[in-house]
Amino acid sequence: MIQIANAPCSWGALEFELEGKSLGYQQVLDEMAETGYAGTELGDWGFMPATPADLNRVLSSKNLELLGAFVPVAMASAEAHEAGVDLALKTAGLMYDAGYTSAFIVLADENGSVDERSKNAGRITPEMGLSDEQWFTFATGAERVAKAVKDKYGMRTVFHHHCGGYVETPREVAKLMELTNPELLGLCLDMGHFAFGGGDPVEALEKYYHRIWHVHFKDFDPKVGQDAKENSYDYFKSVEEGVFCELGEGNVDFQSIVNKLLEEGFDGWIVVEQDVLPGMGSPKKCAENNRKYIKSLEL
């Protein structure tokens, strides 16, 4: 049975250091439940309560399941790996001790931290990518995190490709999948990021289906993507301009994606993400519209 969740990033609670302030977790969770979602991700460390009992109490009071937590690590730098393992274990431990033992660590690059990648999101060329040596370091670090989490808590780790980081384009996703153990590191397929990065999410779903353990529903507005190319938007400006639009308003073929998931008997969660910057629009209204759209797909 497929169940539908949302995430704090849809309310402006992002991992980046940004101007403005996101809504508090109580309001976010209230609005998430009120708009028909059954689960959430943790958000950046410190957004929700950081003690297991408090975390379980808060989520249980809203009848929300906890599905995973985003953990950014600068994987291309070997010096960052130890701290990345520590952060992943701290995050996994919080979720595990709160009773959410099936939650994922959603591992990602430290997106937005490398100027060239942030400034050219959506128009990355091979010359902007990692060297073979850096790829080895990146893949080794990702596996190290995944193994540490699995060994200590028996929990799984998925990698989230992301615009503004070193794994954005279809070629880069393929490279990471090739270099890492499919039994150890899964893929979090994010439809909007894959489209913004120059790929077809339906093709990615078909190619990597058995590697995809976690799914993010995000849409991509190709007009904003074109504006970003013509006007040299950085990643944050693209988000501000609405590159990740409401579901059904962009070019992601969600009906084909849902058909594939149902055909394969997918038995997991779909997490809606419509990244907004703090203060942008009405997150609750967007969440409501996105849930209605997913219902129109018969989910």
C-alpha atoms as a PDB file:
ATOM      1  CA  MET A   1       0.000   0.000   0.000  1.00  0.00           C
ATOM      2  CA  ILE A   2       1.331   3.401  -1.003  1.00  0.00           C
ATOM      3  CA  GLN A   3       0.998   6.124   1.622  1.00  0.00           C
ATOM      4  CA  ILE A   4       1.512   9.859   1.190  1.00  0.00           C
ATOM      5  CA  ALA A   5       3.698  12.116   3.323  1.00  0.00           C
ATOM      6  CA  ASN A   6       5.057  15.625   3.126  1.00  0.00           C
ATOM      7  CA  ALA A   7       8.235  17.219   4.462  1.00  0.00           C
ATOM      8  CA  PRO A   8       9.220  20.333   6.424  1.00  0.00           C
ATOM      9  CA  CYS A   9      11.022  21.786   3.387  1.00  0.00           C
ATOM     10  CA  SER A  10       7.563  22.410   1.893  1.00  0.00           C
ATOM     11  CA  TRP A  11       7.076  24.920   4.712  1.00  0.00           C
ATOM     12  CA  GLY A  12      10.455  26.610   4.276  1.00  0.00           C
ATOM     13  CA  ALA A  13      12.393  24.513   6.787  1.00  0.00           C
ATOM     14  CA  LEU A  14      15.522  23.916   4.721  1.00  0.00           C
ATOM     15  CA  GLU A  15      19.044  22.769   5.517  1.00  0.00           C
ATOM     16  CA  PHE A  16      20.570  25.955   4.108  1.00  0.00           C
ATOM     17  CA  GLU A  17      21.541  29.118   5.991  1.00  0.00           C
ATOM     18  CA  LEU A  18      18.996  31.532   4.545  1.00  0.00           C
ATOM     19  CA  GLU A  19      17.475  34.885   5.329  1.00  0.00           C
ATOM     20  CA  GLY A  20      14.016  34.709   6.836  1.00  0.00           C
ATOM     21  CA  LYS A  21      12.568  32.194   9.238  1.00  0.00           C
ATOM     22  CA  SER A  22      10.566  29.065   8.570  1.00  0.00           C
ATOM     23  CA  LEU A  23       7.423  28.230  10.480  1.00  0.00           C
ATOM     24  CA  GLY A  24       7.736  26.384  13.785  1.00  0.00           C
ATOM     25  CA  TYR A  25       7.383  22.610  13.823  1.00  0.00           C
ATOM     26  CA  GLN A  26       4.050  22.664  15.689  1.00  0.00           C
ATOM     27  CA  GLN A  27       2.380  24.719  12.955  1.00  0.00           C
ATOM     28  CA  VAL A  28       4.052  22.717  10.207  1.00  0.00           C
ATOM     29  CA  LEU A  29       2.870  19.404  11.642  1.00  0.00           C
ATOM     30  CA  ASP A  30      -0.621  20.765  12.313  1.00  0.00           C
ATOM     31  CA  GLU A  31      -0.971  21.926   8.723  1.00  0.00           C
ATOM     32  CA  MET A  32       0.550  18.728   7.377  1.00  0.00           C
ATOM     33  CA  ALA A  33      -2.039  16.629   9.206  1.00  0.00           C
ATOM     34  CA  GLU A  34      -4.891  18.999   8.347  1.00  0.00           C
ATOM     35  CA  THR A  35      -4.125  18.754   4.622  1.00  0.00           C
ATOM     36  CA  GLY A  36      -4.304  14.971   4.577  1.00  0.00           C
ATOM     37  CA  TYR A  37      -0.769  13.648   4.920  1.00  0.00           C
ATOM     38  CA  ALA A  38       0.082  10.592   6.990  1.00  0.00           C
ATOM     39  CA  GLY A  39       3.793  11.058   7.528  1.00  0.00           C
ATOM     40  CA  THR A  40       6.744  13.444   7.521  1.00  0.00           C
ATOM     41  CA  GLU A  41      10.500  13.596   7.395  1.00  0.00           C
ATOM     42  CA  LEU A  42      12.502  15.013  10.283  1.00  0.00           C
ATOM     43  CA  GLY A  43      13.758  18.184   8.673  1.00  0.00           C
ATOM     44  CA  ASP A  44      17.101  19.729   9.493  1.00  0.00           C
ATOM     45  CA  TRP A  45      18.565  18.725  12.865  1.00  0.00           C
ATOM     46  CA  GLY A  46      17.018  20.874  15.576  1.00  0.00           C
ATOM     47  CA  PHE A  47      13.835  21.709  13.690  1.00  0.00           C
ATOM     48  CA  MET A  48      11.854  19.088  15.610  1.00  0.00           C
ATOM     49  CA  PRO A  49      12.446  17.928  19.189  1.00  0.00           C
ATOM     50  CA  ALA A  50      15.833  16.259  19.553  1.00  0.00           C
ATOM     51  CA  THR A  51      14.944  13.853  22.358  1.00  0.00           C
ATOM     52  CA  PRO A  52      13.289  10.543  21.459  1.00  0.00           C
ATOM     53  CA  ALA A  53      10.383  10.782  23.907  1.00  0.00           C
ATOM     54  CA  ASP A  54       9.473  14.312  22.863  1.00  0.00           C
ATOM     55  CA  LEU A  55       9.786  13.493  19.177  1.00  0.00           C
ATOM     56  CA  ASN A  56       7.517  10.465  19.479  1.00  0.00           C
ATOM     57  CA  ARG A  57       4.993  12.381  21.566  1.00  0.00           C
ATOM     58  CA  VAL A  58       4.767  15.255  19.102  1.00  0.00           C
ATOM     59  CA  LEU A  59       4.394  13.059  16.023  1.00  0.00           C
ATOM     60  CA  SER A  60       2.013  10.625  17.688  1.00  0.00           C
ATOM     61  CA  SER A  61      -0.236  13.493  18.740  1.00  0.00           C
ATOM     62  CA  LYS A  62      -0.666  14.359  15.057  1.00  0.00           C
ATOM     63  CA  ASN A  63      -0.960  10.708  13.929  1.00  0.00           C
ATOM     64  CA  LEU A  64       2.084  11.196  11.702  1.00  0.00           C
ATOM     65  CA  GLU A  65       4.693   8.565  10.890  1.00  0.00           C
ATOM     66  CA  LEU A  66       8.377   9.532  10.649  1.00  0.00           C
ATOM     67  CA  LEU A  67       9.952   8.279   7.420  1.00  0.00           C
ATOM     68  CA  GLY A  68      13.450   9.600   7.356  1.00  0.00           C
ATOM     69  CA  ALA A  69      15.864  12.460   7.856  1.00  0.00           C
ATOM     70  CA  PHE A  70      17.968  14.488   5.449  1.00  0.00           C
ATOM     71  CA  VAL A  71      21.694  14.346   6.279  1.00  0.00           C
ATOM     72  CA  PRO A  72      23.992  16.559   4.176  1.00  0.00           C
ATOM     73  CA  VAL A  73      27.705  15.700   4.049  1.00  0.00           C
ATOM     74  CA  ALA A  74      30.455  17.172   1.821  1.00  0.00           C
ATOM     75  CA  MET A  75      31.275  13.731   0.460  1.00  0.00           C
ATOM     76  CA  ALA A  76      33.921  14.905  -2.031  1.00  0.00           C
ATOM     77  CA  SER A  77      36.107  15.860   0.941  1.00  0.00           C
ATOM     78  CA  ALA A  78      37.554  12.903   2.860  1.00  0.00           C
ATOM     79  CA  GLU A  79      38.037  15.181   5.850  1.00  0.00           C
ATOM     80  CA  ALA A  80      34.241  15.547   6.143  1.00  0.00           C
ATOM     81  CA  HIS A  81      33.486  11.834   6.306  1.00  0.00           C
ATOM     82  CA  GLU A  82      34.001  11.276  10.024  1.00  0.00           C
ATOM     83  CA  ALA A  83      31.755  14.172  10.972  1.00  0.00           C
ATOM     84  CA  GLY A  84      29.234  12.905   8.414  1.00  0.00           C
ATOM     85  CA  VAL A  85      29.162   9.487  10.039  1.00  0.00           C
ATOM     86  CA  ASP A  86      28.700  11.113  13.453  1.00  0.00           C
ATOM     87  CA  LEU A  87      25.779  13.241  12.210  1.00  0.00           C
ATOM     88  CA  ALA A  88      24.135  10.282  10.494  1.00  0.00           C
ATOM     89  CA  LEU A  89      24.454   8.115  13.612  1.00  0.00           C
ATOM     90  CA  LYS A  90      23.117  10.886  15.852  1.00  0.00           C
ATOM     91  CA  THR A  91      20.149  11.349  13.516  1.00  0.00           C
ATOM     92  CA  ALA A  92      19.507   7.635  13.092  1.00  0.00           C
ATOM     93  CA  GLY A  93      19.762   7.145  16.844  1.00  0.00           C
ATOM     94  CA  LEU A  94      17.143   9.795  17.506  1.00  0.00           C
ATOM     95  CA  MET A  95      14.695   8.214  15.076  1.00  0.00           C
ATOM     96  CA  TYR A  96      15.430   4.677  16.250  1.00  0.00           C
ATOM     97  CA  ASP A  97      15.061   5.504  19.947  1.00  0.00           C
ATOM     98  CA  ALA A  98      11.829   7.371  19.201  1.00  0.00           C
ATOM     99  CA  GLY A  99      10.443   4.136  17.762  1.00  0.00           C
ATOM    100  CA  TYR A 100      10.834   4.845  14.048  1.00  0.00           C
ATOM    101  CA  THR A 101      13.140   1.933  13.301  1.00  0.00           C
ATOM    102  CA  SER A 102      12.218   1.701   9.600  1.00  0.00           C
ATOM    103  CA  ALA A 103      13.064   5.325   8.833  1.00  0.00           C
ATOM    104  CA  PHE A 104      15.754   6.144   6.293  1.00  0.00           C
ATOM    105  CA  ILE A 105      18.833   8.256   6.467  1.00  0.00           C
ATOM    106  CA  VAL A 106      18.416  10.419   3.363  1.00  0.00           C
ATOM    107  CA  LEU A 107      22.043  11.160   2.618  1.00  0.00           C
ATOM    108  CA  ALA A 108      23.037  14.000   0.298  1.00  0.00           C
ATOM    109  CA  ASP A 109      25.963  16.125  -0.686  1.00  0.00           C
ATOM    110  CA  GLU A 110      26.394  19.392   1.210  1.00  0.00           C
ATOM    111  CA  ASN A 111      24.359  21.114  -1.467  1.00  0.00           C
ATOM    112  CA  GLY A 112      24.788  24.830  -1.969  1.00  0.00           C
ATOM    113  CA  SER A 113      28.324  24.835  -0.530  1.00  0.00           C
ATOM    114  CA  VAL A 114      30.280  24.895  -3.824  1.00  0.00           C
ATOM    115  CA  ASP A 115      29.819  28.132  -5.747  1.00  0.00           C
ATOM    116  CA  GLU A 116      30.227  26.670  -9.228  1.00  0.00           C
ATOM    117  CA  ARG A 117      27.591  24.037  -8.609  1.00  0.00           C
ATOM    118  CA  SER A 118      25.157  26.423  -6.905  1.00  0.00           C
ATOM    119  CA  LYS A 119      25.534  29.098  -9.582  1.00  0.00           C
ATOM    120  CA  ASN A 120      24.988  26.636 -12.428  1.00  0.00           C
ATOM    121  CA  ALA A 121      22.201  24.431 -11.072  1.00  0.00           C
ATOM    122  CA  GLY A 122      20.173  23.047 -13.971  1.00  0.00           C
ATOM    123  CA  ARG A 123      22.956  23.626 -16.487  1.00  0.00           C
ATOM    124  CA  ILE A 124      25.861  21.532 -15.221  1.00  0.00           C
ATOM    125  CA  THR A 125      28.490  20.445 -17.755  1.00  0.00           C
ATOM    126  CA  PRO A 126      30.908  17.494 -17.339  1.00  0.00           C
ATOM    127  CA  GLU A 127      33.759  19.963 -16.764  1.00  0.00           C
ATOM    128  CA  MET A 128      32.076  21.049 -13.528  1.00  0.00           C
ATOM    129  CA  GLY A 129      32.076  17.508 -12.166  1.00  0.00           C
ATOM    130  CA  LEU A 130      34.312  15.415  -9.962  1.00  0.00           C
ATOM    131  CA  SER A 131      37.605  13.835 -10.970  1.00  0.00           C
ATOM    132  CA  ASP A 132      37.976  10.050 -10.804  1.00  0.00           C
ATOM    133  CA  GLU A 133      39.828  10.411  -7.519  1.00  0.00           C
ATOM    134  CA  GLN A 134      37.086  12.640  -6.101  1.00  0.00           C
ATOM    135  CA  TRP A 135      34.422  10.192  -7.247  1.00  0.00           C
ATOM    136  CA  PHE A 136      36.199   7.411  -5.373  1.00  0.00           C
ATOM    137  CA  THR A 137      36.317   9.590  -2.250  1.00  0.00           C
ATOM    138  CA  PHE A 138      32.647  10.527  -2.636  1.00  0.00           C
ATOM    139  CA  ALA A 139      31.440   6.953  -3.117  1.00  0.00           C
ATOM    140  CA  THR A 140      33.631   5.614  -0.321  1.00  0.00           C
ATOM    141  CA  GLY A 141      32.244   8.224   2.068  1.00  0.00           C
ATOM    142  CA  ALA A 142      28.642   7.479   1.144  1.00  0.00           C
ATOM    143  CA  GLU A 143      29.165   3.763   1.722  1.00  0.00           C
ATOM    144  CA  ARG A 144      30.927   4.461   5.010  1.00  0.00           C
ATOM    145  CA  VAL A 145      27.921   6.405   6.294  1.00  0.00           C
ATOM    146  CA  ALA A 146      25.469   3.767   5.091  1.00  0.00           C
ATOM    147  CA  LYS A 147      27.446   0.939   6.663  1.00  0.00           C
ATOM    148  CA  ALA A 148      27.781   2.713  10.012  1.00  0.00           C
ATOM    149  CA  VAL A 149      24.017   3.324  10.175  1.00  0.00           C
ATOM    150  CA  LYS A 150      23.192  -0.227   9.135  1.00  0.00           C
ATOM    151  CA  ASP A 151      25.688  -1.818  11.541  1.00  0.00           C
ATOM    152  CA  LYS A 152      24.539   0.166  14.578  1.00  0.00           C
ATOM    153  CA  TYR A 153      20.804   0.493  14.021  1.00  0.00           C
ATOM    154  CA  GLY A 154      19.887  -1.865  11.179  1.00  0.00           C
ATOM    155  CA  MET A 155      18.488   1.148   9.306  1.00  0.00           C
ATOM    156  CA  ARG A 156      18.884   1.814   5.593  1.00  0.00           C
ATOM    157  CA  THR A 157      20.443   4.780   3.831  1.00  0.00           C
ATOM    158  CA  VAL A 158      19.383   6.272   0.502  1.00  0.00           C
ATOM    159  CA  PHE A 159      21.254   8.889  -1.479  1.00  0.00           C
ATOM    160  CA  HIS A 160      19.322  11.973  -2.572  1.00  0.00           C
ATOM    161  CA  HIS A 161      20.642  13.471  -5.830  1.00  0.00           C
ATOM    162  CA  HIS A 162      20.130  17.228  -5.633  1.00  0.00           C
ATOM    163  CA  CYS A 163      20.636  20.318  -7.763  1.00  0.00           C
ATOM    164  CA  GLY A 164      23.334  22.553  -6.334  1.00  0.00           C
ATOM    165  CA  GLY A 165      25.426  19.531  -5.288  1.00  0.00           C
ATOM    166  CA  TYR A 166      27.920  17.202  -6.945  1.00  0.00           C
ATOM    167  CA  VAL A 167      25.299  14.566  -7.851  1.00  0.00           C
ATOM    168  CA  GLU A 168      22.756  16.405  -9.993  1.00  0.00           C
ATOM    169  CA  THR A 169      22.757  15.205 -13.601  1.00  0.00           C
ATOM    170  CA  PRO A 170      21.635  11.784 -14.868  1.00  0.00           C
ATOM    171  CA  ARG A 171      25.276  11.008 -15.681  1.00  0.00           C
ATOM    172  CA  GLU A 172      26.301  11.804 -12.108  1.00  0.00           C
ATOM    173  CA  VAL A 173      23.491   9.726 -10.597  1.00  0.00           C
ATOM    174  CA  ALA A 174      24.544   6.816 -12.815  1.00  0.00           C
ATOM    175  CA  LYS A 175      28.168   7.206 -11.746  1.00  0.00           C
ATOM    176  CA  LEU A 176      27.332   7.082  -8.039  1.00  0.00           C
ATOM    177  CA  MET A 177      25.083   4.073  -8.512  1.00  0.00           C
ATOM    178  CA  GLU A 178      27.856   2.315 -10.436  1.00  0.00           C
ATOM    179  CA  LEU A 179      30.454   3.007  -7.741  1.00  0.00           C
ATOM    180  CA  THR A 180      28.404   1.973  -4.712  1.00  0.00           C
ATOM    181  CA  ASN A 181      27.089  -1.308  -3.322  1.00  0.00           C
ATOM    182  CA  PRO A 182      23.386  -1.759  -4.221  1.00  0.00           C
ATOM    183  CA  GLU A 183      22.844  -3.786  -1.061  1.00  0.00           C
ATOM    184  CA  LEU A 184      24.196  -0.982   1.097  1.00  0.00           C
ATOM    185  CA  LEU A 185      23.159   2.312  -0.504  1.00  0.00           C
ATOM    186  CA  GLY A 186      19.784   2.886  -2.105  1.00  0.00           C
ATOM    187  CA  LEU A 187      18.513   5.804  -4.160  1.00  0.00           C
ATOM    188  CA  CYS A 188      16.005   8.434  -3.140  1.00  0.00           C
ATOM    189  CA  LEU A 189      14.543   9.375  -6.510  1.00  0.00           C
ATOM    190  CA  ASP A 190      13.403  12.979  -6.441  1.00  0.00           C
ATOM    191  CA  MET A 191      11.340  13.636  -9.571  1.00  0.00           C
ATOM    192  CA  GLY A 192      11.792  17.413  -9.606  1.00  0.00           C
ATOM    193  CA  HIS A 193      15.525  17.434  -8.988  1.00  0.00           C
ATOM    194  CA  PHE A 194      16.062  14.776 -11.639  1.00  0.00           C
ATOM    195  CA  ALA A 195      14.095  16.837 -14.164  1.00  0.00           C
ATOM    196  CA  PHE A 196      15.828  20.109 -13.239  1.00  0.00           C
ATOM    197  CA  GLY A 197      19.151  18.270 -13.546  1.00  0.00           C
ATOM    198  CA  GLY A 198      18.368  17.440 -17.156  1.00  0.00           C
ATOM    199  CA  GLY A 199      16.818  13.992 -16.908  1.00  0.00           C
ATOM    200  CA  ASP A 200      13.516  12.173 -17.390  1.00  0.00           C
ATOM    201  CA  PRO A 201      12.184  10.954 -14.023  1.00  0.00           C
ATOM    202  CA  VAL A 202      10.114   8.201 -15.676  1.00  0.00           C
ATOM    203  CA  GLU A 203      13.239   6.789 -17.318  1.00  0.00           C
ATOM    204  CA  ALA A 204      15.088   6.999 -14.001  1.00  0.00           C
ATOM    205  CA  LEU A 205      12.288   5.145 -12.226  1.00  0.00           C
ATOM    206  CA  GLU A 206      12.435   2.365 -14.790  1.00  0.00           C
ATOM    207  CA  LYS A 207      16.242   2.187 -14.825  1.00  0.00           C
ATOM    208  CA  TYR A 208      16.782   2.222 -11.068  1.00  0.00           C
ATOM    209  CA  TYR A 209      13.525   0.798  -9.764  1.00  0.00           C
ATOM    210  CA  HIS A 210      15.126  -1.938  -7.666  1.00  0.00           C
ATOM    211  CA  ARG A 211      17.608   0.538  -6.232  1.00  0.00           C
ATOM    212  CA  ILE A 212      14.919   3.085  -5.313  1.00  0.00           C
ATOM    213  CA  TRP A 213      13.931   2.624  -1.680  1.00  0.00           C
ATOM    214  CA  HIS A 214      12.476   6.090  -1.099  1.00  0.00           C
ATOM    215  CA  VAL A 215      10.494   8.394  -3.406  1.00  0.00           C
ATOM    216  CA  HIS A 216      10.102  12.174  -3.437  1.00  0.00           C
ATOM    217  CA  PHE A 217       7.323  13.781  -5.502  1.00  0.00           C
ATOM    218  CA  LYS A 218       8.447  17.208  -6.662  1.00  0.00           C
ATOM    219  CA  ASP A 219       7.475  18.913  -9.925  1.00  0.00           C
ATOM    220  CA  PHE A 220       9.631  20.992 -12.274  1.00  0.00           C
ATOM    221  CA  ASP A 221       8.562  24.070 -14.210  1.00  0.00           C
ATOM    222  CA  PRO A 222      10.520  24.065 -17.497  1.00  0.00           C
ATOM    223  CA  LYS A 223       9.722  27.735 -18.134  1.00  0.00           C
ATOM    224  CA  VAL A 224      11.486  28.737 -14.923  1.00  0.00           C
ATOM    225  CA  GLY A 225      14.262  26.331 -15.856  1.00  0.00           C
ATOM    226  CA  GLN A 226      14.666  28.148 -19.183  1.00  0.00           C
ATOM    227  CA  ASP A 227      14.562  31.520 -17.432  1.00  0.00           C
ATOM    228  CA  ALA A 228      17.299  30.262 -15.123  1.00  0.00           C
ATOM    229  CA  LYS A 229      19.515  29.450 -18.123  1.00  0.00           C
ATOM    230  CA  GLU A 230      18.848  32.731 -19.887  1.00  0.00           C
ATOM    231  CA  ASN A 231      19.312  34.863 -16.780  1.00  0.00           C
ATOM    232  CA  SER A 232      22.005  32.805 -15.004  1.00  0.00           C
ATOM    233  CA  TYR A 233      19.958  32.180 -11.861  1.00  0.00           C
ATOM    234  CA  ASP A 234      21.725  30.381  -9.068  1.00  0.00           C
ATOM    235  CA  TYR A 235      19.976  27.478  -7.342  1.00  0.00           C
ATOM    236  CA  PHE A 236      18.281  29.641  -4.715  1.00  0.00           C
ATOM    237  CA  LYS A 237      17.010  32.176  -7.245  1.00  0.00           C
ATOM    238  CA  SER A 238      15.516  29.329  -9.271  1.00  0.00           C
ATOM    239  CA  VAL A 239      13.692  28.053  -6.186  1.00  0.00           C
ATOM    240  CA  GLU A 240      12.523  31.566  -5.379  1.00  0.00           C
ATOM    241  CA  GLU A 241      11.137  31.896  -8.918  1.00  0.00           C
ATOM    242  CA  GLY A 242       9.145  28.665  -8.501  1.00  0.00           C
ATOM    243  CA  VAL A 243      11.203  26.118 -10.414  1.00  0.00           C
ATOM    244  CA  PHE A 244       9.649  23.502  -8.113  1.00  0.00           C
ATOM    245  CA  CYS A 245       5.998  24.267  -8.770  1.00  0.00           C
ATOM    246  CA  GLU A 246       2.851  22.629  -7.435  1.00  0.00           C
ATOM    247  CA  LEU A 247       2.383  19.037  -8.535  1.00  0.00           C
ATOM    248  CA  GLY A 248       0.730  18.806 -11.928  1.00  0.00           C
ATOM    249  CA  GLU A 249       1.802  22.277 -13.031  1.00  0.00           C
ATOM    250  CA  GLY A 250       5.220  21.252 -14.345  1.00  0.00           C
ATOM    251  CA  ASN A 251       6.455  18.683 -16.840  1.00  0.00           C
ATOM    252  CA  VAL A 252       6.933  15.624 -14.601  1.00  0.00           C
ATOM    253  CA  ASP A 253       4.716  12.788 -15.847  1.00  0.00           C
ATOM    254  CA  PHE A 254       3.325  11.728 -12.489  1.00  0.00           C
ATOM    255  CA  GLN A 255       0.624   9.518 -13.991  1.00  0.00           C
ATOM    256  CA  SER A 256       3.234   7.328 -15.660  1.00  0.00           C
ATOM    257  CA  ILE A 257       5.236   7.293 -12.434  1.00  0.00           C
ATOM    258  CA  VAL A 258       2.224   6.196 -10.393  1.00  0.00           C
ATOM    259  CA  ASN A 259       1.361   3.576 -13.000  1.00  0.00           C
ATOM    260  CA  LYS A 260       4.880   2.147 -12.749  1.00  0.00           C
ATOM    261  CA  LEU A 261       4.827   2.104  -8.953  1.00  0.00           C
ATOM    262  CA  LEU A 262       1.465   0.332  -8.918  1.00  0.00           C
ATOM    263  CA  GLU A 263       2.540  -2.105 -11.609  1.00  0.00           C
ATOM    264  CA  GLU A 264       5.619  -3.036  -9.580  1.00  0.00           C
ATOM    265  CA  GLY A 265       3.592  -3.336  -6.383  1.00  0.00           C
ATOM    266  CA  PHE A 266       5.500  -0.559  -4.654  1.00  0.00           C
ATOM    267  CA  ASP A 267       4.789  -0.819  -0.933  1.00  0.00           C
ATOM    268  CA  GLY A 268       6.207   2.314   0.570  1.00  0.00           C
ATOM    269  CA  TRP A 269       5.831   6.025   1.016  1.00  0.00           C
ATOM    270  CA  ILE A 270       5.694   8.904  -1.411  1.00  0.00           C
ATOM    271  CA  VAL A 271       6.969  12.103   0.161  1.00  0.00           C
ATOM    272  CA  VAL A 272       5.737  15.354  -1.368  1.00  0.00           C
ATOM    273  CA  GLU A 273       8.311  18.113  -1.456  1.00  0.00           C
ATOM    274  CA  GLN A 274       7.674  21.557  -2.862  1.00  0.00           C
ATOM    275  CA  ASP A 275      10.735  23.456  -1.722  1.00  0.00           C
ATOM    276  CA  VAL A 276       9.976  27.000  -0.664  1.00  0.00           C
ATOM    277  CA  LEU A 277      12.224  29.632   0.826  1.00  0.00           C
ATOM    278  CA  PRO A 278      11.152  31.059   4.189  1.00  0.00           C
ATOM    279  CA  GLY A 279       8.303  33.512   3.687  1.00  0.00           C
ATOM    280  CA  MET A 280       7.306  32.323   0.214  1.00  0.00           C
ATOM    281  CA  GLY A 281       3.583  31.955  -0.509  1.00  0.00           C
ATOM    282  CA  SER A 282       1.134  29.828   1.455  1.00  0.00           C
ATOM    283  CA  PRO A 283       2.677  26.422   2.230  1.00  0.00           C
ATOM    284  CA  LYS A 284      -0.584  25.053   3.621  1.00  0.00           C
ATOM    285  CA  LYS A 285      -2.516  25.926   0.457  1.00  0.00           C
ATOM    286  CA  CYS A 286       0.194  24.366  -1.697  1.00  0.00           C
ATOM    287  CA  ALA A 287       0.169  21.251   0.469  1.00  0.00           C
ATOM    288  CA  GLU A 288      -3.600  21.025   0.098  1.00  0.00           C
ATOM    289  CA  ASN A 289      -3.414  21.434  -3.688  1.00  0.00           C
ATOM    290  CA  ASN A 290      -0.643  18.842  -3.945  1.00  0.00           C
ATOM    291  CA  ARG A 291      -2.644  16.328  -1.917  1.00  0.00           C
ATOM    292  CA  LYS A 292      -5.709  16.903  -4.136  1.00  0.00           C
ATOM    293  CA  TYR A 293      -3.556  16.352  -7.215  1.00  0.00           C
ATOM    294  CA  ILE A 294      -2.214  13.059  -5.894  1.00  0.00           C
ATOM    295  CA  LYS A 295      -5.781  11.945  -5.126  1.00  0.00           C
ATOM    296  CA  SER A 296      -6.615  12.656  -8.777  1.00  0.00           C
ATOM    297  CA  LEU A 297      -3.976  10.017  -9.594  1.00  0.00           C
ATOM    298  CA  GLU A 298      -6.001   7.634  -7.381  1.00  0.00           C
ATOM    299  CA  LEU A 299      -3.529   7.551  -4.510  1.00  0.00           C
END
